[in-house]
N, C-alpha and C. Protein backbone atom coordinates (compact mmCIF):
# COMPACT_ATOMS: atom_id res chain seq x y z
N THR A 1 12.74 49.50 -114.33
CA THR A 1 14.16 48.57 -114.27
C THR A 1 15.11 49.37 -114.39
N THR A 2 16.11 47.57 -114.47
CA THR A 2 17.17 47.64 -113.44
C THR A 2 17.78 48.63 -114.94
N SER A 3 18.06 47.96 -115.95
CA SER A 3 18.22 48.59 -117.52
C SER A 3 17.71 49.80 -117.79
N GLY A 4 16.89 50.57 -117.02
CA GLY A 4 16.71 51.92 -117.12
C GLY A 4 15.80 51.86 -118.35
N GLY A 5 15.16 50.67 -118.46
CA GLY A 5 13.79 50.89 -119.56
C GLY A 5 13.27 51.36 -119.20
N LEU A 6 11.65 51.24 -120.52
CA LEU A 6 10.35 52.14 -119.72
C LEU A 6 9.64 51.00 -119.14
N THR A 7 9.04 51.45 -118.01
CA THR A 7 8.50 50.88 -116.88
C THR A 7 7.37 50.66 -116.18
N ASP A 8 6.42 51.60 -117.49
CA ASP A 8 5.28 51.83 -117.59
C ASP A 8 4.33 53.15 -118.45
N ILE A 9 3.97 51.88 -118.95
CA ILE A 9 2.80 53.50 -120.06
C ILE A 9 1.54 53.16 -119.97
N LYS A 10 0.88 54.63 -119.89
CA LYS A 10 -0.63 53.98 -119.61
C LYS A 10 -1.61 56.00 -120.13
N GLN A 11 -2.76 55.52 -120.63
CA GLN A 11 -2.84 56.63 -121.50
C GLN A 11 -4.22 57.54 -120.50
N GLY A 12 -3.77 58.95 -120.69
CA GLY A 12 -4.92 59.67 -119.71
C GLY A 12 -5.90 60.17 -120.54
N ALA A 13 -6.74 60.58 -119.21
CA ALA A 13 -7.88 61.16 -119.79
C ALA A 13 -8.08 62.06 -121.61
N ASN A 14 -6.96 62.16 -121.21
CA ASN A 14 -6.76 63.88 -122.27
C ASN A 14 -6.28 63.41 -123.08
N GLY A 15 -6.65 61.81 -123.38
CA GLY A 15 -5.92 61.53 -125.29
C GLY A 15 -4.46 60.99 -124.96
N CYS A 16 -3.96 61.88 -123.70
CA CYS A 16 -2.36 61.85 -123.87
C CYS A 16 -1.70 60.58 -123.16
N ILE A 17 -0.58 59.79 -123.92
CA ILE A 17 0.23 59.14 -123.27
C ILE A 17 0.82 59.10 -122.43
N TYR A 18 1.37 59.19 -121.51
CA TYR A 18 2.41 58.89 -121.00
C TYR A 18 3.34 57.63 -120.29
N ALA A 19 4.60 58.26 -120.33
CA ALA A 19 5.66 56.37 -120.96
C ALA A 19 6.26 57.26 -119.09
N MET A 20 6.46 56.08 -118.54
CA MET A 20 8.08 56.26 -117.66
C MET A 20 8.38 55.60 -117.71
N LYS A 21 10.17 56.63 -117.52
CA LYS A 21 11.36 55.92 -117.79
C LYS A 21 12.21 55.69 -117.12
N GLY A 22 13.20 54.64 -116.55
CA GLY A 22 14.03 54.51 -115.33
C GLY A 22 13.87 54.01 -113.52
N GLY A 23 12.11 53.38 -114.23
CA GLY A 23 11.69 53.46 -112.59
C GLY A 23 11.56 54.01 -111.90
N TYR A 24 11.00 53.74 -110.81
CA TYR A 24 10.35 55.07 -109.87
C TYR A 24 11.30 55.35 -109.34
N THR A 25 12.22 55.73 -109.64
CA THR A 25 14.00 56.57 -108.82
C THR A 25 13.26 57.86 -109.30
N THR A 26 14.96 58.54 -108.65
CA THR A 26 14.56 59.80 -108.50
C THR A 26 15.30 60.40 -110.06
N ALA A 27 15.62 59.37 -110.52
CA ALA A 27 16.52 59.47 -111.75
C ALA A 27 16.04 59.81 -113.07
N GLY A 28 15.12 59.08 -112.67
CA GLY A 28 13.72 58.76 -114.19
C GLY A 28 13.18 60.07 -114.60
N ALA A 29 12.01 59.64 -115.18
CA ALA A 29 11.76 60.88 -116.20
C ALA A 29 10.19 60.62 -116.88
N ILE A 30 9.31 60.76 -116.79
CA ILE A 30 7.94 60.90 -117.55
C ILE A 30 7.65 61.91 -119.07
N TYR A 31 7.29 61.40 -120.23
CA TYR A 31 7.73 61.70 -120.82
C TYR A 31 5.49 61.70 -121.60
N ARG A 32 5.54 62.54 -121.93
CA ARG A 32 4.26 63.17 -122.20
C ARG A 32 3.93 62.70 -123.95
N ILE A 33 3.34 62.59 -124.50
CA ILE A 33 2.77 62.64 -126.19
C ILE A 33 1.75 62.43 -126.00
N CYS A 34 1.08 63.75 -127.14
CA CYS A 34 -0.08 64.11 -126.82
C CYS A 34 -0.58 63.94 -128.64
N PRO A 35 -1.44 63.82 -128.68
CA PRO A 35 -2.36 63.89 -130.45
C PRO A 35 -2.56 65.10 -130.70
N ILE A 36 -1.98 65.27 -131.73
CA ILE A 36 -1.61 66.70 -132.97
C ILE A 36 -3.86 66.78 -133.10
N THR A 37 -3.99 67.40 -133.92
CA THR A 37 -5.26 67.90 -134.50
C THR A 37 -4.47 67.29 -136.11
N LEU A 38 -5.42 66.55 -136.41
CA LEU A 38 -5.27 66.25 -137.75
C LEU A 38 -6.38 66.41 -138.54
N SER A 39 -6.53 67.07 -140.29
CA SER A 39 -7.13 67.74 -140.55
C SER A 39 -8.51 66.54 -141.05
N LEU A 40 -8.47 65.11 -140.79
CA LEU A 40 -9.27 64.41 -141.12
C LEU A 40 -10.30 64.25 -139.26
N ASP A 41 -11.08 64.21 -140.26
CA ASP A 41 -11.32 63.90 -139.09
C ASP A 41 -12.41 61.94 -138.58
N GLU A 42 -11.69 61.52 -137.72
CA GLU A 42 -11.69 60.37 -136.88
C GLU A 42 -12.84 59.56 -137.24
N SER A 43 -14.03 60.76 -136.88
CA SER A 43 -15.98 60.09 -136.88
C SER A 43 -16.48 60.22 -137.95
N SER A 44 -15.64 60.60 -139.41
CA SER A 44 -16.51 61.25 -140.15
C SER A 44 -15.91 60.03 -141.37
N ILE A 45 -15.35 58.76 -140.51
CA ILE A 45 -14.79 57.81 -140.85
C ILE A 45 -15.41 56.60 -141.04
N LEU A 46 -16.00 56.17 -142.03
CA LEU A 46 -17.69 55.35 -141.91
C LEU A 46 -17.22 53.67 -141.92
N THR A 47 -17.50 53.04 -141.15
CA THR A 47 -17.47 51.44 -141.66
C THR A 47 -18.82 51.19 -141.08
N ASN A 48 -18.77 50.24 -142.08
CA ASN A 48 -20.45 48.85 -141.41
C ASN A 48 -20.12 48.38 -140.37
N ALA A 49 -21.31 48.49 -139.44
CA ALA A 49 -21.22 48.59 -138.21
C ALA A 49 -22.73 48.46 -137.59
N ILE A 50 -23.20 47.58 -136.55
CA ILE A 50 -23.86 47.73 -135.96
C ILE A 50 -22.95 48.09 -133.80
N GLY A 51 -24.21 49.37 -133.03
CA GLY A 51 -23.83 48.72 -132.11
C GLY A 51 -24.38 47.78 -131.05
N GLN A 52 -24.44 47.38 -130.01
CA GLN A 52 -25.18 46.86 -128.97
C GLN A 52 -26.27 47.63 -128.65
N ASN A 53 -27.74 46.65 -128.06
CA ASN A 53 -29.32 47.70 -128.28
C ASN A 53 -28.90 47.89 -127.38
N TYR A 54 -29.74 49.92 -126.51
CA TYR A 54 -29.72 49.93 -125.18
C TYR A 54 -31.28 50.46 -125.16
N PRO A 55 -32.15 50.75 -123.74
CA PRO A 55 -31.12 49.68 -122.59
C PRO A 55 -31.48 48.45 -123.08
N ASN A 56 -29.89 47.28 -122.45
CA ASN A 56 -30.08 46.11 -122.59
C ASN A 56 -29.88 45.84 -121.54
N PRO A 57 -30.25 44.78 -120.47
CA PRO A 57 -32.03 44.05 -121.38
C PRO A 57 -33.07 45.67 -120.92
N ALA A 58 -33.89 45.37 -122.51
CA ALA A 58 -35.22 46.26 -122.45
C ALA A 58 -35.71 45.25 -122.11
N ASP A 59 -37.34 46.22 -121.53
CA ASP A 59 -38.52 46.27 -121.01
C ASP A 59 -39.15 46.22 -122.08
N ASN A 60 -39.64 47.43 -122.79
CA ASN A 60 -40.94 47.39 -123.52
C ASN A 60 -40.00 48.42 -124.76
N ILE A 61 -39.44 49.22 -124.44
CA ILE A 61 -39.32 49.72 -125.53
C ILE A 61 -37.17 49.81 -125.65
N THR A 62 -36.34 49.30 -127.35
CA THR A 62 -34.96 49.34 -127.29
C THR A 62 -34.57 50.11 -128.48
N GLN A 63 -32.91 51.02 -128.66
CA GLN A 63 -32.78 51.51 -129.77
C GLN A 63 -31.90 50.30 -129.99
N ILE A 64 -31.19 50.62 -131.42
CA ILE A 64 -29.84 49.83 -132.27
C ILE A 64 -29.46 50.94 -133.08
N ASP A 65 -27.65 51.31 -132.53
CA ASP A 65 -27.36 52.56 -134.12
C ASP A 65 -26.69 51.78 -134.40
N TYR A 66 -26.28 51.82 -135.69
CA TYR A 66 -25.68 50.80 -136.88
C TYR A 66 -25.63 52.19 -137.43
N ARG A 67 -24.20 51.63 -139.12
CA ARG A 67 -23.86 53.15 -139.17
C ARG A 67 -23.38 52.22 -140.85
N LEU A 68 -23.30 53.11 -141.81
CA LEU A 68 -22.78 52.47 -142.94
C LEU A 68 -21.40 52.92 -143.54
N ALA A 69 -20.55 52.10 -144.77
CA ALA A 69 -19.82 53.32 -145.13
C ALA A 69 -20.78 53.33 -146.35
N GLN A 70 -21.24 53.35 -146.92
CA GLN A 70 -21.55 53.12 -148.22
C GLN A 70 -23.31 52.64 -148.37
N SER A 71 -24.34 53.34 -149.38
CA SER A 71 -25.25 52.72 -149.15
C SER A 71 -25.93 51.56 -149.72
N ALA A 72 -26.24 50.84 -149.05
CA ALA A 72 -26.28 49.45 -149.15
C ALA A 72 -28.01 48.82 -149.29
N ASP A 73 -28.30 47.35 -149.09
CA ASP A 73 -29.47 47.34 -149.01
C ASP A 73 -28.59 46.19 -147.15
N VAL A 74 -29.97 46.99 -145.98
CA VAL A 74 -29.31 46.98 -145.10
C VAL A 74 -30.18 45.38 -144.32
N SER A 75 -30.16 44.75 -143.57
CA SER A 75 -31.24 44.47 -143.39
C SER A 75 -30.79 43.43 -141.64
N ILE A 76 -31.93 43.78 -141.16
CA ILE A 76 -31.95 43.83 -139.24
C ILE A 76 -32.67 43.03 -138.87
N ILE A 77 -32.33 41.78 -138.22
CA ILE A 77 -33.59 40.95 -137.93
C ILE A 77 -33.37 39.87 -136.29
N VAL A 78 -33.75 39.98 -135.89
CA VAL A 78 -34.51 39.33 -134.49
C VAL A 78 -34.74 38.63 -134.85
N TYR A 79 -34.29 37.11 -133.99
CA TYR A 79 -34.23 35.85 -133.49
C TYR A 79 -34.20 35.48 -132.35
N ASP A 80 -35.06 34.55 -132.21
CA ASP A 80 -34.60 33.98 -130.65
C ASP A 80 -33.65 32.68 -130.60
N VAL A 81 -33.50 31.74 -129.30
CA VAL A 81 -32.69 30.99 -129.03
C VAL A 81 -32.46 30.10 -129.83
N THR A 82 -33.43 29.14 -130.15
CA THR A 82 -33.72 28.20 -131.32
C THR A 82 -33.81 28.32 -132.52
N GLY A 83 -33.36 30.30 -133.17
CA GLY A 83 -32.98 30.71 -134.33
C GLY A 83 -34.54 30.34 -135.10
N ARG A 84 -35.42 30.45 -134.39
CA ARG A 84 -36.89 30.73 -135.53
C ARG A 84 -36.67 33.01 -135.70
N THR A 85 -37.43 33.63 -136.42
CA THR A 85 -37.57 34.87 -137.36
C THR A 85 -38.99 35.26 -135.93
N ILE A 86 -37.89 36.34 -135.58
CA ILE A 86 -39.29 36.68 -134.07
C ILE A 86 -40.17 38.47 -135.10
N LYS A 87 -38.47 39.40 -135.76
CA LYS A 87 -39.15 40.44 -136.09
C LYS A 87 -37.91 41.39 -137.10
N THR A 88 -38.69 40.99 -138.45
CA THR A 88 -38.08 41.66 -139.24
C THR A 88 -37.83 43.64 -138.50
N VAL A 89 -36.72 43.87 -138.24
CA VAL A 89 -36.70 45.53 -137.96
C VAL A 89 -36.60 46.61 -138.94
N VAL A 90 -35.16 45.87 -139.90
CA VAL A 90 -34.79 46.78 -140.95
C VAL A 90 -35.24 45.46 -142.31
N ALA A 91 -35.48 46.32 -143.29
CA ALA A 91 -35.34 45.70 -144.77
C ALA A 91 -35.71 45.80 -145.67
N GLN A 92 -35.00 47.58 -146.59
CA GLN A 92 -34.59 47.68 -147.04
C GLN A 92 -33.38 48.87 -147.25
N SER A 93 -32.75 49.30 -148.81
CA SER A 93 -31.72 50.55 -148.83
C SER A 93 -31.75 51.45 -148.16
N VAL A 94 -30.33 52.00 -147.88
CA VAL A 94 -30.10 52.94 -147.13
C VAL A 94 -29.18 53.78 -147.21
N GLN A 95 -29.23 54.61 -147.41
CA GLN A 95 -28.39 55.59 -147.60
C GLN A 95 -26.74 55.44 -146.45
N ALA A 96 -25.72 56.21 -147.04
CA ALA A 96 -24.42 55.80 -145.96
C ALA A 96 -24.74 56.76 -144.66
N GLY A 97 -24.40 56.75 -143.57
CA GLY A 97 -24.09 57.68 -142.37
C GLY A 97 -24.76 56.19 -141.13
N LYS A 98 -25.46 57.08 -140.26
CA LYS A 98 -25.03 56.74 -139.10
C LYS A 98 -27.14 56.93 -139.08
N HIS A 99 -27.46 55.22 -138.27
CA HIS A 99 -28.60 55.76 -138.22
C HIS A 99 -28.86 54.86 -137.03
N THR A 100 -30.70 54.81 -136.89
CA THR A 100 -31.37 54.79 -134.87
C THR A 100 -32.62 53.74 -135.20
N VAL A 101 -32.71 52.67 -135.36
CA VAL A 101 -34.16 52.42 -135.04
C VAL A 101 -34.70 51.37 -133.62
N SER A 102 -35.45 52.10 -133.24
CA SER A 102 -36.41 51.56 -132.15
C SER A 102 -36.93 50.89 -132.36
N LEU A 103 -37.09 50.07 -131.55
CA LEU A 103 -37.99 48.80 -131.13
C LEU A 103 -38.87 48.58 -129.94
N ASN A 104 -40.34 48.78 -130.23
CA ASN A 104 -41.28 49.54 -129.45
C ASN A 104 -42.29 48.51 -128.84
N ASP A 105 -41.89 47.33 -128.98
CA ASP A 105 -42.87 46.74 -128.81
C ASP A 105 -42.26 45.57 -128.40
N MET A 106 -41.14 45.10 -127.85
CA MET A 106 -40.80 44.42 -126.88
C MET A 106 -41.51 43.64 -125.96
N SER A 107 -41.92 44.37 -124.50
CA SER A 107 -43.35 44.29 -123.64
C SER A 107 -43.43 42.63 -124.43
N ASN A 108 -44.16 42.91 -126.18
CA ASN A 108 -44.79 41.40 -126.79
C ASN A 108 -44.48 40.49 -127.09
N TYR A 109 -42.94 40.35 -126.94
CA TYR A 109 -42.38 39.00 -126.33
C TYR A 109 -41.75 38.66 -125.12
N ALA A 110 -41.95 37.45 -124.86
CA ALA A 110 -41.18 36.57 -123.23
C ALA A 110 -39.91 36.48 -123.02
N ASP A 111 -39.64 36.97 -121.94
CA ASP A 111 -38.11 37.75 -121.27
C ASP A 111 -37.37 36.38 -121.61
N GLY A 112 -36.05 37.09 -122.13
CA GLY A 112 -34.76 35.79 -122.39
C GLY A 112 -34.07 36.43 -122.78
N ALA A 113 -33.64 35.27 -123.73
CA ALA A 113 -32.02 36.27 -124.70
C ALA A 113 -32.83 35.92 -125.86
N TYR A 114 -32.74 37.21 -126.70
CA TYR A 114 -32.83 37.17 -128.23
C TYR A 114 -31.79 37.67 -129.10
N PHE A 115 -31.12 37.20 -129.78
CA PHE A 115 -30.40 37.84 -131.08
C PHE A 115 -30.83 38.64 -131.96
N TYR A 116 -29.87 39.92 -132.23
CA TYR A 116 -30.43 40.04 -134.06
C TYR A 116 -28.73 40.01 -134.78
N LYS A 117 -29.52 40.08 -136.03
CA LYS A 117 -28.42 39.97 -137.18
C LYS A 117 -28.86 40.98 -138.13
N PHE A 118 -27.82 41.79 -138.03
CA PHE A 118 -27.39 42.90 -139.12
C PHE A 118 -26.47 42.33 -140.51
N GLU A 119 -27.44 42.28 -141.28
CA GLU A 119 -26.77 42.12 -142.54
C GLU A 119 -26.92 43.55 -144.01
N VAL A 120 -25.21 43.74 -144.51
CA VAL A 120 -24.83 44.89 -145.30
C VAL A 120 -24.41 44.19 -146.81
N LYS A 121 -25.64 44.46 -147.71
CA LYS A 121 -25.21 43.29 -148.99
C LYS A 121 -24.71 44.98 -150.51
N THR A 122 -24.62 44.25 -151.10
CA THR A 122 -24.63 46.00 -152.22
C THR A 122 -25.40 45.06 -153.49
N ASN A 123 -25.49 45.23 -154.19
CA ASN A 123 -25.85 44.56 -155.44
C ASN A 123 -25.83 43.27 -156.03
N GLY A 124 -26.35 42.57 -153.99
CA GLY A 124 -27.34 41.08 -153.65
C GLY A 124 -25.59 40.76 -153.69
N LYS A 125 -24.95 41.47 -153.05
CA LYS A 125 -23.75 40.23 -152.10
C LYS A 125 -23.30 41.10 -151.25
N LEU A 126 -23.10 40.10 -149.78
CA LEU A 126 -22.67 40.51 -148.65
C LEU A 126 -21.90 40.24 -148.50
N ILE A 127 -21.66 42.28 -147.91
CA ILE A 127 -20.22 42.57 -147.37
C ILE A 127 -20.14 42.57 -145.95
N HIS A 128 -21.15 42.49 -145.28
CA HIS A 128 -20.62 42.20 -143.74
C HIS A 128 -21.89 41.81 -143.21
N ALA A 129 -21.79 41.37 -141.86
CA ALA A 129 -22.01 40.74 -141.09
C ALA A 129 -22.19 41.25 -139.56
N GLU A 130 -22.99 40.95 -139.50
CA GLU A 130 -23.03 40.83 -137.14
C GLU A 130 -23.91 40.43 -136.22
N THR A 131 -23.79 39.61 -135.69
CA THR A 131 -25.07 39.01 -135.18
C THR A 131 -25.13 39.17 -133.82
N LYS A 132 -25.93 40.84 -132.49
CA LYS A 132 -25.49 40.64 -131.03
C LYS A 132 -26.03 40.28 -129.85
N ARG A 133 -26.46 40.21 -128.88
CA ARG A 133 -27.29 39.18 -128.60
C ARG A 133 -27.79 40.16 -127.43
N MET A 134 -29.50 40.18 -127.17
CA MET A 134 -30.29 41.67 -126.01
C MET A 134 -31.14 40.54 -125.61
N ILE A 135 -31.24 40.63 -123.98
CA ILE A 135 -32.56 40.35 -123.28
C ILE A 135 -33.60 40.70 -123.30
N ILE A 136 -33.99 40.98 -123.39
CA ILE A 136 -35.83 41.12 -122.62
C ILE A 136 -36.34 40.75 -121.25
N ALA A 137 -36.54 41.48 -120.23
CA ALA A 137 -36.92 41.40 -118.90
C ALA A 137 -37.19 42.53 -118.89
N LYS A 138 -38.90 42.21 -118.22
CA LYS A 138 -40.32 42.71 -117.67
C LYS A 138 -39.94 42.83 -115.95
């Protein structure tokens, strides 16, 4: 810019942030800001979340990853577009951590859009819910 402020900010593949100051001139400068190693491993911080099934679209087998911040009662239920329950994938108490479930019979269902709902309950109280869409195509 004409005032010599930041003109561009990008993140590099190495995780560093690169900031350009002063425009595209010989008087400009590029700054690099890189993360330092922290004692806290970010991957060890768990939250309640469910991922997108893969592969998606699915033909016969698909997998769903999910994670729990603490042990809880978990349900993952597949619905068709009308809201009719197609399959209960998980309905049990699950320990905290990362988990994967496989759906091995997707070829038994018609091609189209489906939804799966992830619910996490502790002491009977709903603490987290997410719904994702999945496609079956053979």
